[in-house]
Amino acid sequence: MKTRIWLYCFSVLLSSLVLGKNLNAQEVIAHDPVMIQVKDKFYLFTTGLGVSFYESTDLKNWKSHGSVFKESPAWTKDVNPTFDGHMWAPDIYFANDTFYLYYSVSAFGKNTSAIGVVTTKSLDPASPHYKWTDHGIVVRSYPHRDLWNAIDPAIIKDEQGDTWMSFGSFWSGIKMFKLTEDLLKPAEPQIWHSTAKRERSIFVEDHLAYPGAIEAPFIFKHGEYYYQFVSWDFCCRAEESTYKVVVGRSKSVTGPYLDKEGKAMHLGGGTIVIQGDKNWYGLGHNSIYHVGDETKIVFHAYDANEKGWPKLKIVDVQWSQDGWPTVKPNDIVKYKSNLIK
């Protein structure tokens, strides 16, 4: 079953990126999108062979720049001997006059995983400063040793100037640790936090991912709060996908994050922001940004009208009077990306 699901995801991405057979006028087919704005341009990174890479000036028309990696770093085979170059769930972050791209190497359904980081001084492929340098493993998980999974990285800098990585998928949920000043390793002495979980019995075998379907953290500062977004349930299953995005908030970057009802996310709490309906089987693995005076949420959605193909979505977020993010379902339907040459 897991192999069939992953082959489905791989075939979708291969069809869109290599064969050019996107549906609906060449929409961007994507999983796990993250974005960064550099002056008047937006750069998008997604799961794909060597990490897929796009550019836009209007958030709708996207030009593909192919892959970040032309070949995988040698260390990836040490983590997973069967690794095929398919890198998951990146995050892009700018600091120290440098762009840091964090990415995941894993075996599907196992915590045989590692998060790596690669850097460049420019994201413009035409620039002489565009050159990716890989710095190896940031953090790694091992089956039977760790009850967490080292994938789905996301970076946030707090008000004290410390930079943190949150990450995690299934098992015991979402973790967070402080990074070194060069953003390449966990800071010493290591400081870790558990910021979101779902129920899982201690009697479940350690090597099993299920139950506890939670992953894809993204922490975002808005006003006086840090908002932690995570995805619940299952991606990558076409018509059977059940992904949804939930949120909690805290005045401290390390939590505790409370949902709208006051339940802590590390105790299973979470307020739903987006979820599947008659148009979309599942929506998730989001990132979120301030773009000018607006807030944009970026995610993928499985199209119920096109056999569950995963589409890129970028839509406006409205903030309620009491400071909670909301999304209009019709905005999700209306947004359509366009892959340009």
Protein backbone atom coordinates (compact mmCIF):
# COMPACT_ATOMS: atom_id res chain seq x y z
CA MET A 1 0.00 0.00 0.00
CA LYS A 2 2.72 2.50 0.97
CA THR A 3 4.70 1.71 -2.17
CA ARG A 4 1.60 2.22 -4.32
CA ILE A 5 0.90 5.60 -2.68
CA TRP A 6 4.45 6.82 -3.16
CA LEU A 7 4.55 5.64 -6.78
CA TYR A 8 1.36 7.63 -7.37
CA CYS A 9 2.95 10.81 -6.00
CA PHE A 10 6.13 10.22 -8.01
CA SER A 11 4.23 9.60 -11.24
CA VAL A 12 2.22 12.80 -10.80
CA LEU A 13 5.34 14.90 -10.35
CA LEU A 14 7.13 13.15 -13.20
CA SER A 15 4.20 13.73 -15.53
CA SER A 16 4.02 17.42 -14.69
CA LEU A 17 7.70 18.27 -14.68
CA VAL A 18 9.09 15.99 -17.37
CA LEU A 19 6.25 15.20 -19.75
CA GLY A 20 4.53 18.58 -19.48
CA LYS A 21 1.07 17.02 -19.18
CA ASN A 22 -0.37 19.18 -16.43
CA LEU A 23 -4.11 19.48 -16.46
CA ASN A 24 -6.05 22.76 -16.65
CA ALA A 25 -3.74 24.78 -18.89
CA GLN A 26 -0.50 23.58 -17.29
CA GLU A 27 -1.19 24.22 -13.64
CA VAL A 28 1.72 23.69 -11.26
CA ILE A 29 1.56 20.18 -9.82
CA ALA A 30 3.20 20.34 -6.42
CA HIS A 31 3.65 18.83 -2.99
CA ASP A 32 4.82 20.67 0.15
CA PRO A 33 5.33 24.18 -1.32
CA VAL A 34 7.37 26.90 0.39
CA MET A 35 8.13 30.37 -0.90
CA ILE A 36 10.35 33.41 -0.44
CA GLN A 37 10.10 36.94 -1.86
CA VAL A 38 13.21 38.67 -3.18
CA LYS A 39 12.41 42.22 -4.31
CA ASP A 40 9.75 41.83 -7.03
CA LYS A 41 10.18 38.09 -7.50
CA PHE A 42 8.85 35.06 -5.69
CA TYR A 43 10.71 31.77 -5.58
CA LEU A 44 8.87 28.52 -4.88
CA PHE A 45 10.40 25.20 -3.77
CA THR A 46 8.56 21.88 -3.60
CA THR A 47 9.09 18.17 -3.11
CA GLY A 48 10.64 16.67 -6.24
CA LEU A 49 13.71 15.14 -7.82
CA GLY A 50 16.51 17.26 -6.38
CA VAL A 51 13.91 19.75 -5.02
CA SER A 52 11.75 21.45 -7.64
CA PHE A 53 12.31 25.21 -8.11
CA TYR A 54 10.04 27.90 -9.66
CA GLU A 55 9.96 31.67 -10.14
CA SER A 56 7.08 34.16 -10.42
CA THR A 57 6.37 37.89 -10.32
CA ASP A 58 2.60 37.63 -9.65
CA LEU A 59 2.09 34.39 -7.64
CA LYS A 60 0.06 32.89 -10.50
CA ASN A 61 2.39 32.44 -13.46
CA TRP A 62 5.33 30.23 -12.55
CA LYS A 63 8.47 29.44 -14.54
CA SER A 64 10.27 26.20 -13.69
CA HIS A 65 14.00 26.32 -13.05
CA GLY A 66 14.19 22.53 -12.86
CA SER A 67 15.93 21.12 -9.80
CA VAL A 68 18.21 22.58 -7.14
CA PHE A 69 20.32 19.41 -7.10
CA LYS A 70 21.65 18.01 -10.35
CA GLU A 71 22.82 14.96 -8.41
CA SER A 72 22.26 13.90 -4.82
CA PRO A 73 24.97 14.42 -2.17
CA ALA A 74 26.89 11.23 -1.36
CA TRP A 75 25.67 11.21 2.25
CA THR A 76 22.07 10.56 1.20
CA LYS A 77 22.86 6.93 0.35
CA ASP A 78 24.29 6.46 3.81
CA VAL A 79 20.98 7.56 5.31
CA ASN A 80 18.88 5.54 2.90
CA PRO A 81 20.65 3.06 0.57
CA THR A 82 17.58 2.98 -1.70
CA PHE A 83 17.36 6.80 -2.02
CA ASP A 84 16.42 7.77 -5.59
CA GLY A 85 17.05 11.53 -5.46
CA HIS A 86 13.48 12.45 -4.57
CA MET A 87 13.82 15.14 -1.86
CA TRP A 88 10.84 16.05 0.28
CA ALA A 89 9.34 19.01 2.04
CA PRO A 90 11.90 21.83 1.76
CA ASP A 91 12.01 25.16 3.56
CA ILE A 92 13.75 28.30 2.29
CA TYR A 93 15.18 30.87 4.71
CA PHE A 94 17.34 34.01 4.34
CA ALA A 95 19.94 35.07 6.93
CA ASN A 96 23.63 35.98 7.08
CA ASP A 97 23.36 37.36 3.52
CA THR A 98 22.69 33.78 2.41
CA PHE A 99 19.74 31.66 1.31
CA TYR A 100 19.40 28.39 3.24
CA LEU A 101 17.38 25.57 1.71
CA TYR A 102 16.57 22.76 4.14
CA TYR A 103 15.30 19.48 2.66
CA SER A 104 14.34 15.95 3.69
CA VAL A 105 15.82 12.58 2.74
CA SER A 106 13.78 9.58 3.85
CA ALA A 107 12.30 6.18 3.16
CA PHE A 108 8.52 6.34 2.84
CA GLY A 109 6.68 5.27 5.98
CA LYS A 110 9.92 4.88 7.99
CA ASN A 111 11.93 7.24 10.17
CA THR A 112 15.10 6.32 8.28
CA SER A 113 15.45 10.03 7.69
CA ALA A 114 17.65 13.12 7.71
CA ILE A 115 17.31 16.84 7.13
CA GLY A 116 20.06 18.44 5.07
CA VAL A 117 20.85 22.04 4.16
CA VAL A 118 22.24 23.68 1.03
CA THR A 119 23.08 27.37 0.59
CA THR A 120 23.51 29.97 -2.13
CA LYS A 121 24.11 33.73 -2.23
CA SER A 122 21.50 34.27 -4.95
CA LEU A 123 18.32 32.56 -6.12
CA ASP A 124 18.59 34.03 -9.62
CA PRO A 125 19.99 31.29 -11.90
CA ALA A 126 21.43 34.01 -14.15
CA SER A 127 23.46 35.56 -11.32
CA PRO A 128 27.17 34.80 -10.91
CA HIS A 129 26.39 34.32 -7.19
CA TYR A 130 23.94 31.48 -7.92
CA LYS A 131 25.75 28.39 -6.68
CA TRP A 132 24.35 25.79 -4.30
CA THR A 133 26.72 24.41 -1.67
CA ASP A 134 25.60 21.42 0.38
CA HIS A 135 26.51 21.33 4.10
CA GLY A 136 25.31 17.83 4.88
CA ILE A 137 23.07 16.60 7.68
CA VAL A 138 21.49 18.93 10.23
CA VAL A 139 19.60 16.25 12.14
CA ARG A 140 18.97 12.54 11.59
CA SER A 141 16.52 9.94 12.95
CA TYR A 142 17.02 6.19 13.25
CA PRO A 143 14.40 3.42 13.43
CA HIS A 144 14.14 1.75 16.85
CA ARG A 145 16.27 4.51 18.43
CA ASP A 146 14.07 7.57 17.85
CA LEU A 147 10.34 8.00 18.28
CA TRP A 148 10.37 10.97 15.91
CA ASN A 149 11.00 11.49 12.21
CA ALA A 150 13.59 13.92 10.83
CA ILE A 151 11.63 15.35 7.89
CA ASP A 152 9.53 18.47 7.14
CA PRO A 153 11.87 21.23 8.39
CA ALA A 154 10.69 24.81 8.99
CA ILE A 155 12.75 27.73 10.30
CA ILE A 156 11.68 30.59 12.57
CA LYS A 157 13.67 33.36 14.28
CA ASP A 158 12.35 34.54 17.63
CA GLU A 159 12.31 38.03 19.14
CA GLN A 160 15.50 37.30 21.11
CA GLY A 161 17.39 36.62 17.89
CA ASP A 162 17.59 32.84 18.26
CA THR A 163 16.74 30.66 15.25
CA TRP A 164 14.79 27.43 15.65
CA MET A 165 14.01 24.45 13.45
CA SER A 166 10.66 22.73 13.86
CA PHE A 167 10.13 19.42 12.09
CA GLY A 168 8.45 16.05 12.38
CA SER A 169 6.04 13.53 10.92
CA PHE A 170 3.87 10.92 12.70
CA TRP A 171 5.44 8.95 15.61
CA SER A 172 5.56 11.29 18.66
CA GLY A 173 4.79 14.38 16.62
CA ILE A 174 6.43 17.76 16.08
CA LYS A 175 9.80 18.68 17.59
CA MET A 176 11.78 21.90 17.77
CA PHE A 177 15.40 22.74 18.56
CA LYS A 178 17.63 25.80 18.51
CA LEU A 179 20.14 26.13 15.65
CA THR A 180 23.74 27.32 15.76
CA GLU A 181 24.45 30.86 14.55
CA ASP A 182 25.56 29.51 11.18
CA LEU A 183 22.20 27.64 10.96
CA LEU A 184 23.86 24.34 10.07
CA LYS A 185 23.55 22.27 13.26
CA PRO A 186 21.66 22.02 16.57
CA ALA A 187 23.06 24.51 19.08
CA GLU A 188 24.88 23.09 22.10
CA PRO A 189 23.83 22.35 24.73
CA GLN A 190 20.88 21.07 22.75
CA ILE A 191 17.47 22.47 23.67
CA TRP A 192 14.49 20.50 22.33
CA HIS A 193 10.74 20.94 22.69
CA SER A 194 7.67 18.90 21.66
CA THR A 195 5.17 21.39 20.25
CA ALA A 196 2.37 19.26 18.74
CA LYS A 197 1.21 15.65 19.03
CA ARG A 198 -1.72 13.38 18.34
CA GLU A 199 -2.77 10.46 20.47
CA ARG A 200 -0.56 7.38 20.31
CA SER A 201 -0.33 4.56 22.83
CA ILE A 202 3.06 3.87 24.39
CA PHE A 203 2.43 0.21 23.53
CA VAL A 204 2.58 0.83 19.75
CA GLU A 205 5.77 -0.69 18.31
CA ASP A 206 8.45 2.00 17.99
CA HIS A 207 9.15 1.35 14.31
CA LEU A 208 5.51 2.01 13.30
CA ALA A 209 4.58 5.48 12.09
CA TYR A 210 0.88 5.10 12.91
CA PRO A 211 -1.26 6.19 14.66
CA GLY A 212 -0.77 9.89 15.27
CA ALA A 213 -1.10 11.38 11.77
CA ILE A 214 0.54 14.79 12.17
CA GLU A 215 3.35 16.47 10.21
CA ALA A 216 4.49 19.53 8.26
CA PRO A 217 4.92 22.22 10.94
CA PHE A 218 5.22 25.87 9.98
CA ILE A 219 5.55 28.64 12.60
CA PHE A 220 4.57 32.18 11.62
CA LYS A 221 4.68 35.43 13.63
CA HIS A 222 1.63 37.69 13.28
CA GLY A 223 0.97 40.48 15.72
CA GLU A 224 1.77 39.42 19.26
CA TYR A 225 1.47 35.68 18.58
CA TYR A 226 3.44 32.88 17.02
CA TYR A 227 1.08 30.62 15.07
CA GLN A 228 1.97 26.96 14.63
CA PHE A 229 0.37 25.31 11.59
CA VAL A 230 0.51 21.53 11.14
CA SER A 231 -1.17 19.04 8.83
CA TRP A 232 -3.34 16.25 10.20
CA ASP A 233 -4.21 12.92 8.56
CA PHE A 234 -3.00 11.62 5.19
CA CYS A 235 -1.46 13.07 2.04
CA CYS A 236 -0.44 11.40 -1.22
CA ARG A 237 -3.49 9.14 -1.63
CA ALA A 238 -5.26 10.84 -4.56
CA GLU A 239 -9.02 10.43 -3.99
CA GLU A 240 -8.32 8.93 -0.54
CA SER A 241 -6.30 11.91 0.71
CA THR A 242 -7.61 13.38 3.97
CA TYR A 243 -5.05 16.14 4.67
CA LYS A 244 -6.20 19.19 6.65
CA VAL A 245 -4.39 22.14 8.23
CA VAL A 246 -4.84 23.06 11.90
CA VAL A 247 -3.37 25.88 13.99
CA GLY A 248 -2.61 26.96 17.53
CA ARG A 249 -0.89 30.05 18.88
CA SER A 250 1.51 31.12 21.60
CA LYS A 251 3.34 34.24 22.75
CA SER A 252 6.49 32.13 23.00
CA VAL A 253 8.08 30.48 19.96
CA THR A 254 8.55 27.26 21.91
CA GLY A 255 4.92 27.13 23.06
CA PRO A 256 2.71 25.91 24.51
CA TYR A 257 0.54 26.44 21.42
CA LEU A 258 -3.18 26.61 22.26
CA ASP A 259 -6.06 26.17 19.83
CA LYS A 260 -9.18 28.35 19.74
CA GLU A 261 -10.76 26.29 22.52
CA GLY A 262 -7.67 26.57 24.72
CA LYS A 263 -6.40 23.02 24.20
CA ALA A 264 -2.64 22.66 23.85
CA MET A 265 -1.36 21.24 20.57
CA HIS A 266 1.11 19.00 22.40
CA LEU A 267 -1.96 17.45 24.04
CA GLY A 268 -3.73 16.87 20.73
CA GLY A 269 -5.27 20.31 20.18
CA GLY A 270 -5.66 22.19 16.90
CA THR A 271 -8.20 24.47 15.22
CA ILE A 272 -8.98 23.60 11.59
CA VAL A 273 -8.04 26.26 9.02
CA ILE A 274 -8.57 24.35 5.75
CA GLN A 275 -9.82 20.85 4.97
CA GLY A 276 -11.26 18.74 2.17
CA ASP A 277 -14.70 19.25 0.63
CA LYS A 278 -16.56 18.38 -2.57
CA ASN A 279 -13.90 20.21 -4.62
CA TRP A 280 -10.75 19.01 -2.87
CA TYR A 281 -10.05 15.65 -1.24
CA GLY A 282 -7.40 17.02 1.08
CA LEU A 283 -5.43 20.23 1.60
CA GLY A 284 -2.22 20.58 3.50
CA HIS A 285 1.49 20.95 4.09
CA ASN A 286 1.21 24.71 4.15
CA SER A 287 3.54 27.64 4.52
CA ILE A 288 2.32 31.20 5.21
CA TYR A 289 3.74 34.68 4.59
CA HIS A 290 3.18 38.40 4.83
CA VAL A 291 3.17 39.78 1.28
CA GLY A 292 2.86 43.55 1.49
CA ASP A 293 -0.25 44.27 3.56
CA GLU A 294 -1.72 40.82 2.90
CA THR A 295 -1.21 37.36 4.35
CA LYS A 296 -0.88 34.46 1.90
CA ILE A 297 -1.17 30.78 2.72
CA VAL A 298 0.60 28.37 0.34
CA PHE A 299 -0.29 24.68 0.21
CA HIS A 300 -1.17 21.76 -2.05
CA ALA A 301 -4.68 20.41 -2.65
CA TYR A 302 -5.89 17.17 -4.25
CA ASP A 303 -8.33 18.08 -7.02
CA ALA A 304 -11.61 16.14 -6.71
CA ASN A 305 -12.49 17.02 -10.31
CA GLU A 306 -9.23 15.68 -11.76
CA LYS A 307 -8.64 12.31 -10.09
CA GLY A 308 -6.89 13.76 -7.06
CA TRP A 309 -3.99 15.49 -8.79
CA PRO A 310 -2.10 17.70 -6.30
CA LYS A 311 -2.34 21.38 -7.28
CA LEU A 312 -0.49 24.42 -5.99
CA LYS A 313 -2.71 26.84 -4.07
CA ILE A 314 -1.90 30.37 -2.86
CA VAL A 315 -4.80 32.23 -1.27
CA ASP A 316 -5.49 35.15 1.05
CA VAL A 317 -5.82 34.71 4.80
CA GLN A 318 -8.28 36.84 6.74
CA TRP A 319 -7.71 37.46 10.44
CA SER A 320 -10.69 37.41 12.81
CA GLN A 321 -11.18 40.13 15.41
CA ASP A 322 -9.76 37.82 18.05
CA GLY A 323 -6.72 37.01 15.90
CA TRP A 324 -7.40 33.66 14.24
CA PRO A 325 -6.60 32.90 10.57
CA THR A 326 -9.45 31.99 8.23
CA VAL A 327 -9.63 31.12 4.52
CA LYS A 328 -12.62 31.45 2.18
CA PRO A 329 -13.29 28.10 0.46
CA ASN A 330 -14.23 29.84 -2.78
CA ASP A 331 -10.80 31.50 -2.91
CA ILE A 332 -9.26 28.02 -2.98
CA VAL A 333 -11.42 27.08 -5.96
CA LYS A 334 -10.66 30.33 -7.81
CA TYR A 335 -6.88 30.19 -7.55
CA LYS A 336 -5.24 28.48 -10.50
CA SER A 337 -1.53 28.58 -11.15
CA ASN A 338 -0.05 28.60 -14.64
CA LEU A 339 3.21 26.89 -15.56
CA ILE A 340 4.96 29.03 -18.18
CA LYS A 341 7.95 28.41 -20.41
